[in-house]
Amino acid sequence: MTLSLLNYLASAKTTPTHYYNKVMQYQLERIGDAMGAFQIPAKQTRIQLEAREQQYSSLLSFIEKIQNNPLDSRATSIRNIDRFSISSVNKKDSLLMALSDIGANAIFSSVRRDTRQFGFSEVRYLRELAPIFVTGKTGRIVPKGLKPIHSIEDLGLPSETIAELYSLTNSKKDYRRFA
């Protein structure tokens, strides 16, 4: 996700938190979509973010603006989230932070191609996590459970890696909630 947002980063320097808030918007859209698809009430959900030097009040204000007036139809699902259910927690204080790191590392490894990976991307970890991703009606993870911004082609990956990412599926029927 971050790779295709690099062009946005240059123009997002309006405030120190602008880029962070925009990235969080995309993540919260996915969470809001899942809450709607699984009919999870906002009052039963708690969202924890890794504590860092961040102005979370700015994020909460940003979320409120989106909830009141979403400029894009994809952002309407953020209305499913109670913004006051969002809190920050130190990574060492929550096992959930370690689990989210595993997912983030799997996603990053699938698109990263540098000297540490000898120029190859590694999709294997993401493939092993595929059974926990929600999907569209077809069972494919991309673009519903794993949403590239703006498209997977924007990531500049080799065609083999793109094909492998598109082939990721979850066979669990109950996870096929997204239209």
N, C-alpha and C. Protein backbone atom coordinates (compact mmCIF):
# COMPACT_ATOMS: atom_id res chain seq x y z
N MET A 1 0.83 -1.18 0.00
CA MET A 1 0.00 0.00 0.00
C MET A 1 0.88 1.24 0.00
N THR A 2 1.88 1.30 0.84
CA THR A 2 2.68 2.50 0.98
C THR A 2 3.42 2.83 -0.31
N LEU A 3 3.86 1.80 -1.06
CA LEU A 3 4.61 2.05 -2.27
C LEU A 3 3.84 2.90 -3.25
N SER A 4 2.56 2.64 -3.44
CA SER A 4 1.79 3.40 -4.41
C SER A 4 1.29 4.72 -3.85
N LEU A 5 1.53 4.96 -2.58
CA LEU A 5 1.18 6.24 -1.99
C LEU A 5 2.37 7.20 -1.97
N LEU A 6 3.53 6.77 -2.49
CA LEU A 6 4.70 7.64 -2.45
C LEU A 6 4.48 8.94 -3.22
N ASN A 7 3.77 8.87 -4.34
CA ASN A 7 3.49 10.09 -5.09
C ASN A 7 2.64 11.04 -4.26
N TYR A 8 1.74 10.48 -3.46
CA TYR A 8 0.88 11.28 -2.59
C TYR A 8 1.68 11.92 -1.46
N LEU A 9 2.75 11.25 -1.03
CA LEU A 9 3.53 11.70 0.11
C LEU A 9 4.07 13.12 -0.09
N ALA A 10 4.55 13.42 -1.28
CA ALA A 10 5.12 14.75 -1.53
C ALA A 10 4.09 15.86 -1.32
N SER A 11 2.87 15.63 -1.79
CA SER A 11 1.85 16.65 -1.63
C SER A 11 1.13 16.58 -0.29
N ALA A 12 1.41 15.55 0.50
CA ALA A 12 0.72 15.36 1.78
C ALA A 12 1.43 16.03 2.94
N LYS A 13 2.44 16.79 2.66
CA LYS A 13 3.22 17.40 3.74
C LYS A 13 2.56 18.65 4.29
N THR A 14 1.27 18.78 4.09
CA THR A 14 0.52 19.92 4.61
C THR A 14 0.67 20.00 6.12
N THR A 15 0.53 18.88 6.78
CA THR A 15 0.76 18.78 8.23
C THR A 15 1.57 17.52 8.47
N PRO A 16 2.24 17.41 9.60
CA PRO A 16 3.04 16.21 9.86
C PRO A 16 2.22 14.93 9.90
N THR A 17 0.93 15.03 10.13
CA THR A 17 0.10 13.83 10.27
C THR A 17 -0.74 13.53 9.03
N HIS A 18 -0.67 14.38 8.02
CA HIS A 18 -1.54 14.25 6.86
C HIS A 18 -1.37 12.89 6.15
N TYR A 19 -0.14 12.50 5.89
CA TYR A 19 0.13 11.24 5.20
C TYR A 19 -0.36 10.06 6.05
N TYR A 20 -0.04 10.08 7.34
CA TYR A 20 -0.48 9.02 8.24
C TYR A 20 -2.01 8.90 8.22
N ASN A 21 -2.68 10.02 8.30
CA ASN A 21 -4.15 10.02 8.30
C ASN A 21 -4.70 9.43 7.01
N LYS A 22 -4.08 9.77 5.88
CA LYS A 22 -4.56 9.26 4.59
C LYS A 22 -4.39 7.74 4.51
N VAL A 23 -3.24 7.24 4.96
CA VAL A 23 -3.02 5.80 4.97
C VAL A 23 -4.03 5.12 5.90
N MET A 24 -4.26 5.73 7.06
CA MET A 24 -5.24 5.18 8.00
C MET A 24 -6.64 5.19 7.40
N GLN A 25 -6.96 6.19 6.58
CA GLN A 25 -8.27 6.22 5.94
C GLN A 25 -8.48 4.94 5.13
N TYR A 26 -7.48 4.56 4.34
CA TYR A 26 -7.61 3.35 3.53
C TYR A 26 -7.79 2.12 4.41
N GLN A 27 -7.04 2.05 5.51
CA GLN A 27 -7.17 0.89 6.41
C GLN A 27 -8.54 0.88 7.08
N LEU A 28 -9.00 2.04 7.50
CA LEU A 28 -10.30 2.11 8.16
C LEU A 28 -11.45 1.81 7.19
N GLU A 29 -11.27 2.14 5.92
CA GLU A 29 -12.28 1.77 4.93
C GLU A 29 -12.43 0.25 4.89
N ARG A 30 -11.32 -0.47 4.91
CA ARG A 30 -11.36 -1.93 4.90
C ARG A 30 -12.02 -2.47 6.17
N ILE A 31 -11.67 -1.88 7.30
CA ILE A 31 -12.26 -2.32 8.57
C ILE A 31 -13.77 -2.04 8.56
N GLY A 32 -14.15 -0.85 8.12
CA GLY A 32 -15.56 -0.49 8.04
C GLY A 32 -16.32 -1.39 7.08
N ASP A 33 -15.70 -1.75 5.96
CA ASP A 33 -16.32 -2.68 5.01
C ASP A 33 -16.57 -4.02 5.69
N ALA A 34 -15.56 -4.52 6.40
CA ALA A 34 -15.70 -5.82 7.07
C ALA A 34 -16.77 -5.77 8.15
N MET A 35 -16.80 -4.68 8.91
CA MET A 35 -17.82 -4.54 9.96
C MET A 35 -19.22 -4.58 9.35
N GLY A 36 -19.38 -3.91 8.22
CA GLY A 36 -20.68 -3.91 7.55
C GLY A 36 -21.02 -5.28 6.99
N ALA A 37 -20.06 -5.93 6.35
CA ALA A 37 -20.29 -7.23 5.73
C ALA A 37 -20.62 -8.30 6.76
N PHE A 38 -19.97 -8.22 7.92
CA PHE A 38 -20.19 -9.22 8.97
C PHE A 38 -21.22 -8.74 10.00
N GLN A 39 -21.81 -7.58 9.74
CA GLN A 39 -22.82 -6.98 10.62
C GLN A 39 -22.33 -6.88 12.07
N ILE A 40 -21.13 -6.33 12.22
CA ILE A 40 -20.54 -6.14 13.54
C ILE A 40 -20.86 -4.71 14.00
N PRO A 41 -21.58 -4.56 15.10
CA PRO A 41 -21.92 -3.21 15.59
C PRO A 41 -20.67 -2.44 16.03
N ALA A 42 -20.69 -1.15 15.78
CA ALA A 42 -19.55 -0.30 16.14
C ALA A 42 -19.23 -0.38 17.63
N LYS A 43 -20.24 -0.49 18.44
CA LYS A 43 -20.03 -0.52 19.90
C LYS A 43 -19.35 -1.80 20.36
N GLN A 44 -19.30 -2.83 19.50
CA GLN A 44 -18.64 -4.08 19.86
C GLN A 44 -17.22 -4.17 19.31
N THR A 45 -16.73 -3.09 18.76
CA THR A 45 -15.43 -3.11 18.11
C THR A 45 -14.47 -2.14 18.79
N ARG A 46 -13.25 -2.59 18.97
CA ARG A 46 -12.18 -1.74 19.47
C ARG A 46 -11.03 -1.83 18.47
N ILE A 47 -10.52 -0.72 18.07
CA ILE A 47 -9.41 -0.67 17.11
C ILE A 47 -8.19 -0.15 17.84
N GLN A 48 -7.11 -0.93 17.80
CA GLN A 48 -5.87 -0.52 18.46
C GLN A 48 -4.82 -0.21 17.42
N LEU A 49 -4.19 0.94 17.57
CA LEU A 49 -3.10 1.36 16.71
C LEU A 49 -1.81 1.34 17.53
N GLU A 50 -0.72 1.07 16.85
CA GLU A 50 0.55 1.10 17.55
C GLU A 50 0.86 2.52 18.00
N ALA A 51 1.18 2.67 19.28
CA ALA A 51 1.50 4.00 19.82
C ALA A 51 2.80 4.50 19.21
N ARG A 52 2.76 5.72 18.76
CA ARG A 52 3.94 6.37 18.21
C ARG A 52 3.77 7.87 18.41
N GLU A 53 4.78 8.61 18.06
CA GLU A 53 4.68 10.06 18.21
C GLU A 53 3.76 10.58 17.13
N GLN A 54 2.49 10.57 17.43
CA GLN A 54 1.46 10.92 16.46
C GLN A 54 0.37 11.71 17.16
N GLN A 55 -0.20 12.65 16.47
CA GLN A 55 -1.33 13.40 17.01
C GLN A 55 -2.61 12.65 16.67
N TYR A 56 -3.06 11.79 17.59
CA TYR A 56 -4.24 10.99 17.32
C TYR A 56 -5.50 11.85 17.30
N SER A 57 -5.48 12.99 17.95
CA SER A 57 -6.64 13.88 17.90
C SER A 57 -6.86 14.35 16.45
N SER A 58 -5.76 14.53 15.72
CA SER A 58 -5.87 14.91 14.32
C SER A 58 -6.53 13.79 13.51
N LEU A 59 -6.16 12.55 13.80
CA LEU A 59 -6.77 11.41 13.11
C LEU A 59 -8.26 11.34 13.42
N LEU A 60 -8.63 11.53 14.68
CA LEU A 60 -10.05 11.46 15.05
C LEU A 60 -10.85 12.57 14.38
N SER A 61 -10.26 13.74 14.26
CA SER A 61 -10.94 14.84 13.54
C SER A 61 -11.08 14.51 12.05
N PHE A 62 -10.04 13.93 11.48
CA PHE A 62 -10.05 13.53 10.08
C PHE A 62 -11.16 12.50 9.83
N ILE A 63 -11.25 11.51 10.73
CA ILE A 63 -12.29 10.48 10.61
C ILE A 63 -13.68 11.11 10.71
N GLU A 64 -13.84 12.04 11.63
CA GLU A 64 -15.14 12.70 11.79
C GLU A 64 -15.53 13.43 10.51
N LYS A 65 -14.57 14.12 9.88
CA LYS A 65 -14.87 14.82 8.61
C LYS A 65 -15.33 13.84 7.55
N ILE A 66 -14.65 12.71 7.46
CA ILE A 66 -15.02 11.70 6.46
C ILE A 66 -16.40 11.14 6.76
N GLN A 67 -16.66 10.85 8.04
CA GLN A 67 -17.97 10.30 8.41
C GLN A 67 -19.10 11.28 8.10
N ASN A 68 -18.87 12.55 8.30
CA ASN A 68 -19.90 13.56 8.05
C ASN A 68 -20.08 13.86 6.57
N ASN A 69 -18.99 13.78 5.80
CA ASN A 69 -19.06 14.14 4.39
C ASN A 69 -18.01 13.36 3.60
N PRO A 70 -18.26 12.07 3.33
CA PRO A 70 -17.28 11.31 2.55
C PRO A 70 -17.20 11.84 1.13
N LEU A 71 -16.00 12.19 0.70
CA LEU A 71 -15.82 12.72 -0.65
C LEU A 71 -15.77 11.63 -1.70
N ASP A 72 -15.62 10.40 -1.26
CA ASP A 72 -15.55 9.25 -2.15
C ASP A 72 -16.48 8.18 -1.60
N SER A 73 -17.22 7.53 -2.47
CA SER A 73 -18.19 6.54 -2.01
C SER A 73 -17.53 5.39 -1.26
N ARG A 74 -16.27 5.09 -1.56
CA ARG A 74 -15.57 4.01 -0.86
C ARG A 74 -15.34 4.34 0.61
N ALA A 75 -15.38 5.61 0.96
CA ALA A 75 -15.12 6.03 2.33
C ALA A 75 -16.36 5.98 3.22
N THR A 76 -17.53 5.73 2.63
CA THR A 76 -18.75 5.73 3.45
C THR A 76 -18.74 4.64 4.51
N SER A 77 -18.00 3.56 4.28
CA SER A 77 -17.95 2.47 5.26
C SER A 77 -17.28 2.90 6.57
N ILE A 78 -16.57 4.00 6.56
CA ILE A 78 -15.95 4.51 7.79
C ILE A 78 -17.04 4.91 8.78
N ARG A 79 -18.24 5.14 8.29
CA ARG A 79 -19.36 5.44 9.19
C ARG A 79 -19.70 4.26 10.10
N ASN A 80 -19.25 3.06 9.75
CA ASN A 80 -19.49 1.88 10.58
C ASN A 80 -18.61 1.86 11.83
N ILE A 81 -17.65 2.77 11.91
CA ILE A 81 -16.67 2.77 12.99
C ILE A 81 -16.98 3.88 13.98
N ASP A 82 -16.95 3.54 15.26
CA ASP A 82 -17.02 4.55 16.32
C ASP A 82 -15.61 5.09 16.50
N ARG A 83 -15.37 6.31 16.11
CA ARG A 83 -14.01 6.85 16.15
C ARG A 83 -13.43 6.86 17.56
N PHE A 84 -14.29 6.86 18.57
CA PHE A 84 -13.79 6.85 19.93
C PHE A 84 -13.43 5.44 20.40
N SER A 85 -13.64 4.45 19.53
CA SER A 85 -13.20 3.09 19.85
C SER A 85 -11.74 2.88 19.44
N ILE A 86 -11.13 3.89 18.85
CA ILE A 86 -9.74 3.79 18.39
C ILE A 86 -8.82 4.26 19.51
N SER A 87 -7.86 3.42 19.83
CA SER A 87 -6.89 3.78 20.87
C SER A 87 -5.50 3.36 20.43
N SER A 88 -4.51 3.88 21.10
CA SER A 88 -3.13 3.51 20.81
C SER A 88 -2.59 2.66 21.95
N VAL A 89 -1.72 1.74 21.59
CA VAL A 89 -1.13 0.83 22.58
C VAL A 89 0.33 0.60 22.19
N ASN A 90 1.19 0.50 23.19
CA ASN A 90 2.59 0.19 22.91
C ASN A 90 2.70 -1.24 22.40
N LYS A 91 3.56 -1.44 21.42
CA LYS A 91 3.70 -2.75 20.80
C LYS A 91 4.00 -3.84 21.83
N LYS A 92 4.84 -3.52 22.79
CA LYS A 92 5.23 -4.53 23.79
C LYS A 92 4.10 -4.87 24.76
N ASP A 93 3.05 -4.07 24.77
CA ASP A 93 1.94 -4.29 25.71
C ASP A 93 0.77 -5.07 25.12
N SER A 94 0.87 -5.48 23.87
CA SER A 94 -0.27 -6.15 23.23
C SER A 94 0.19 -7.23 22.26
N LEU A 95 -0.28 -8.43 22.48
CA LEU A 95 0.00 -9.53 21.57
C LEU A 95 -0.56 -9.25 20.18
N LEU A 96 -1.66 -8.53 20.12
CA LEU A 96 -2.26 -8.21 18.83
C LEU A 96 -1.32 -7.42 17.93
N MET A 97 -0.46 -6.60 18.53
CA MET A 97 0.50 -5.84 17.73
C MET A 97 1.47 -6.78 17.03
N ALA A 98 1.88 -7.87 17.70
CA ALA A 98 2.78 -8.84 17.08
C ALA A 98 2.08 -9.54 15.91
N LEU A 99 0.80 -9.86 16.08
CA LEU A 99 0.05 -10.49 15.00
C LEU A 99 -0.10 -9.56 13.80
N SER A 100 -0.35 -8.29 14.07
CA SER A 100 -0.47 -7.35 12.95
C SER A 100 0.88 -7.17 12.26
N ASP A 101 1.98 -7.26 13.00
CA ASP A 101 3.31 -7.18 12.39
C ASP A 101 3.55 -8.35 11.44
N ILE A 102 3.06 -9.52 11.80
CA ILE A 102 3.22 -10.69 10.93
C ILE A 102 2.51 -10.43 9.60
N GLY A 103 1.28 -9.94 9.67
CA GLY A 103 0.55 -9.62 8.44
C GLY A 103 1.22 -8.53 7.63
N ALA A 104 1.66 -7.47 8.31
CA ALA A 104 2.32 -6.37 7.61
C ALA A 104 3.61 -6.84 6.94
N ASN A 105 4.38 -7.68 7.63
CA ASN A 105 5.61 -8.19 7.06
C ASN A 105 5.33 -9.08 5.85
N ALA A 106 4.29 -9.89 5.93
CA ALA A 106 3.94 -10.75 4.80
C ALA A 106 3.56 -9.91 3.58
N ILE A 107 2.79 -8.86 3.80
CA ILE A 107 2.39 -7.98 2.69
C ILE A 107 3.62 -7.26 2.13
N PHE A 108 4.44 -6.71 3.03
CA PHE A 108 5.62 -5.97 2.59
C PHE A 108 6.58 -6.88 1.83
N SER A 109 6.78 -8.09 2.32
CA SER A 109 7.68 -9.04 1.64
C SER A 109 7.19 -9.40 0.24
N SER A 110 5.89 -9.35 0.05
CA SER A 110 5.34 -9.71 -1.26
C SER A 110 5.56 -8.63 -2.31
N VAL A 111 5.83 -7.41 -1.90
CA VAL A 111 6.04 -6.33 -2.86
C VAL A 111 7.46 -5.76 -2.82
N ARG A 112 8.22 -6.12 -1.81
CA ARG A 112 9.58 -5.59 -1.65
C ARG A 112 10.54 -6.35 -2.57
N ARG A 113 11.35 -5.59 -3.30
CA ARG A 113 12.37 -6.19 -4.16
C ARG A 113 13.63 -5.35 -4.03
N ASP A 114 14.47 -5.70 -3.09
CA ASP A 114 15.71 -4.95 -2.91
C ASP A 114 16.86 -5.93 -2.74
N THR A 115 18.04 -5.41 -2.44
CA THR A 115 19.21 -6.27 -2.31
C THR A 115 19.08 -7.26 -1.16
N ARG A 116 18.34 -6.90 -0.12
CA ARG A 116 18.17 -7.84 1.00
C ARG A 116 17.37 -9.06 0.58
N GLN A 117 16.55 -8.91 -0.45
CA GLN A 117 15.78 -10.03 -0.98
C GLN A 117 16.29 -10.44 -2.36
N PHE A 118 17.50 -10.01 -2.68
CA PHE A 118 18.16 -10.36 -3.94
C PHE A 118 17.30 -10.01 -5.16
N GLY A 119 16.51 -8.94 -5.03
CA GLY A 119 15.69 -8.46 -6.13
C GLY A 119 14.40 -9.23 -6.35
N PHE A 120 14.11 -10.20 -5.48
CA PHE A 120 12.89 -11.00 -5.62
C PHE A 120 11.88 -10.61 -4.56
N SER A 121 10.62 -10.69 -4.91
CA SER A 121 9.58 -10.52 -3.91
C SER A 121 9.23 -11.91 -3.36
N GLU A 122 8.72 -11.96 -2.15
CA GLU A 122 8.41 -13.22 -1.48
C GLU A 122 6.93 -13.27 -1.12
N VAL A 123 6.16 -14.01 -1.88
CA VAL A 123 4.72 -14.07 -1.69
C VAL A 123 4.31 -15.23 -0.76
N ARG A 124 5.26 -16.11 -0.47
CA ARG A 124 4.94 -17.32 0.31
C ARG A 124 4.27 -17.02 1.64
N TYR A 125 4.77 -16.04 2.38
CA TYR A 125 4.19 -15.73 3.69
C TYR A 125 2.74 -15.27 3.55
N LEU A 126 2.50 -14.45 2.55
CA LEU A 126 1.14 -13.97 2.31
C LEU A 126 0.24 -15.13 1.89
N ARG A 127 0.75 -16.04 1.09
CA ARG A 127 -0.02 -17.21 0.68
C ARG A 127 -0.41 -18.05 1.90
N GLU A 128 0.49 -18.17 2.87
CA GLU A 128 0.18 -18.94 4.08
C GLU A 128 -0.88 -18.26 4.94
N LEU A 129 -0.96 -16.93 4.86
CA LEU A 129 -1.96 -16.19 5.63
C LEU A 129 -3.28 -16.03 4.88
N ALA A 130 -3.33 -16.46 3.63
CA ALA A 130 -4.53 -16.28 2.80
C ALA A 130 -5.81 -16.74 3.48
N PRO A 131 -5.82 -17.83 4.25
CA PRO A 131 -7.08 -18.29 4.85
C PRO A 131 -7.67 -17.35 5.91
N ILE A 132 -6.97 -16.29 6.28
CA ILE A 132 -7.55 -15.37 7.27
C ILE A 132 -8.06 -14.08 6.64
N PHE A 133 -7.86 -13.91 5.34
CA PHE A 133 -8.31 -12.70 4.66
C PHE A 133 -9.76 -12.83 4.22
N VAL A 134 -10.53 -11.75 4.39
CA VAL A 134 -11.87 -11.71 3.81
C VAL A 134 -11.69 -11.51 2.31
N THR A 135 -12.74 -11.86 1.57
CA THR A 135 -12.62 -11.81 0.11
C THR A 135 -13.89 -11.28 -0.53
N GLY A 136 -13.82 -11.17 -1.82
CA GLY A 136 -15.01 -10.90 -2.60
C GLY A 136 -15.76 -12.20 -2.85
N LYS A 137 -16.79 -12.13 -3.62
CA LYS A 137 -17.65 -13.30 -3.90
C LYS A 137 -16.89 -14.45 -4.56
N THR A 138 -15.80 -14.14 -5.27
CA THR A 138 -15.04 -15.17 -5.99
C THR A 138 -14.06 -15.91 -5.09
N GLY A 139 -13.81 -15.39 -3.89
CA GLY A 139 -12.83 -15.99 -3.00
C GLY A 139 -11.44 -15.41 -3.18
N ARG A 140 -11.28 -14.52 -4.16
CA ARG A 140 -9.96 -13.89 -4.37
C ARG A 140 -9.74 -12.80 -3.33
N ILE A 141 -8.54 -12.75 -2.83
CA ILE A 141 -8.19 -11.79 -1.78
C ILE A 141 -8.00 -10.39 -2.35
N VAL A 142 -7.31 -10.29 -3.49
CA VAL A 142 -7.10 -9.00 -4.14
C VAL A 142 -8.28 -8.75 -5.06
N PRO A 143 -8.95 -7.64 -5.02
CA PRO A 143 -8.68 -6.40 -4.30
C PRO A 143 -9.55 -6.17 -3.06
N LYS A 144 -10.27 -7.18 -2.59
CA LYS A 144 -11.21 -6.94 -1.49
C LYS A 144 -10.56 -7.07 -0.12
N GLY A 145 -9.91 -8.19 0.14
CA GLY A 145 -9.27 -8.41 1.45
C GLY A 145 -7.91 -7.75 1.54
N LEU A 146 -7.27 -7.60 0.41
CA LEU A 146 -5.98 -6.92 0.31
C LEU A 146 -6.14 -5.89 -0.80
N LYS A 147 -6.15 -4.63 -0.41
CA LYS A 147 -6.52 -3.57 -1.35
C LYS A 147 -5.29 -2.76 -1.76
N PRO A 148 -4.80 -2.98 -2.98
CA PRO A 148 -3.71 -2.12 -3.46
C PRO A 148 -4.24 -0.72 -3.74
N ILE A 149 -3.44 0.27 -3.45
CA ILE A 149 -3.83 1.65 -3.72
C ILE A 149 -2.95 2.13 -4.87
N HIS A 150 -3.44 2.36 -5.91
CA HIS A 150 -4.77 2.40 -6.51
C HIS A 150 -5.01 1.13 -7.32
N SER A 151 -3.94 0.53 -7.81
CA SER A 151 -4.08 -0.77 -8.44
C SER A 151 -2.80 -1.55 -8.19
N ILE A 152 -2.87 -2.84 -8.34
CA ILE A 152 -1.70 -3.68 -8.09
C ILE A 152 -0.61 -3.40 -9.14
N GLU A 153 -1.04 -3.00 -10.33
CA GLU A 153 -0.07 -2.67 -11.37
C GLU A 153 0.76 -1.44 -11.02
N ASP A 154 0.23 -0.55 -10.19
CA ASP A 154 0.95 0.65 -9.77
C ASP A 154 2.19 0.33 -8.93
N LEU A 155 2.28 -0.89 -8.43
CA LEU A 155 3.40 -1.25 -7.57
C LEU A 155 4.68 -1.55 -8.33
N GLY A 156 4.59 -1.65 -9.66
CA GLY A 156 5.78 -1.89 -10.47
C GLY A 156 6.40 -3.26 -10.23
N LEU A 157 5.57 -4.25 -9.98
CA LEU A 157 6.04 -5.60 -9.71
C LEU A 157 6.19 -6.40 -10.99
N PRO A 158 7.02 -7.45 -10.96
CA PRO A 158 7.08 -8.33 -12.13
C PRO A 158 5.73 -9.00 -12.37
N SER A 159 5.45 -9.33 -13.61
CA SER A 159 4.16 -9.92 -13.95
C SER A 159 3.90 -11.22 -13.19
N GLU A 160 4.96 -11.99 -12.89
CA GLU A 160 4.78 -13.24 -12.14
C GLU A 160 4.27 -12.96 -10.73
N THR A 161 4.80 -11.91 -10.10
CA THR A 161 4.37 -11.56 -8.74
C THR A 161 2.93 -11.06 -8.76
N ILE A 162 2.58 -10.23 -9.74
CA ILE A 162 1.21 -9.74 -9.86
C ILE A 162 0.26 -10.92 -10.03
N ALA A 163 0.61 -11.85 -10.90
CA ALA A 163 -0.24 -13.02 -11.12
C ALA A 163 -0.37 -13.83 -9.83
N GLU A 164 0.72 -13.96 -9.08
CA GLU A 164 0.65 -14.71 -7.83
C GLU A 164 -0.25 -14.02 -6.81
N LEU A 165 -0.16 -12.69 -6.73
CA LEU A 165 -1.02 -11.96 -5.80
C LEU A 165 -2.49 -12.08 -6.21
N TYR A 166 -2.76 -11.97 -7.50
CA TYR A 166 -4.14 -12.13 -7.97
C TYR A 166 -4.67 -13.54 -7.74
N SER A 167 -3.79 -14.52 -7.67
CA SER A 167 -4.23 -15.90 -7.50
C SER A 167 -4.51 -16.25 -6.04
N LEU A 168 -4.16 -15.38 -5.09
CA LEU A 168 -4.40 -15.67 -3.68
C LEU A 168 -5.90 -15.77 -3.41
N THR A 169 -6.31 -16.88 -2.81
CA THR A 169 -7.73 -17.08 -2.53
C THR A 169 -7.91 -17.60 -1.11
N ASN A 170 -9.11 -17.45 -0.63
CA ASN A 170 -9.53 -18.03 0.63
C ASN A 170 -10.76 -18.87 0.30
N SER A 171 -10.67 -20.16 0.56
CA SER A 171 -11.77 -21.06 0.18
C SER A 171 -12.91 -21.07 1.19
N LYS A 172 -12.75 -20.40 2.33
CA LYS A 172 -13.81 -20.38 3.34
C LYS A 172 -14.98 -19.51 2.86
N LYS A 173 -16.11 -20.12 2.68
CA LYS A 173 -17.28 -19.42 2.13
C LYS A 173 -17.73 -18.26 3.01
N ASP A 174 -17.60 -18.41 4.34
CA ASP A 174 -18.05 -17.35 5.24
C ASP A 174 -17.20 -16.08 5.12
N TYR A 175 -16.04 -16.17 4.52
CA TYR A 175 -15.17 -15.00 4.35
C TYR A 175 -15.48 -14.24 3.07
N ARG A 176 -16.38 -14.74 2.25
CA ARG A 176 -16.71 -14.12 0.96
C ARG A 176 -17.86 -13.14 1.14
N ARG A 177 -17.60 -12.07 1.84
CA ARG A 177 -18.67 -11.14 2.19
C ARG A 177 -18.70 -9.87 1.35
N PHE A 178 -17.63 -9.58 0.64
CA PHE A 178 -17.57 -8.33 -0.10
C PHE A 178 -18.11 -8.50 -1.51
N ALA A 179 -18.91 -7.55 -1.92
CA ALA A 179 -19.48 -7.59 -3.28
C ALA A 179 -18.41 -7.27 -4.31
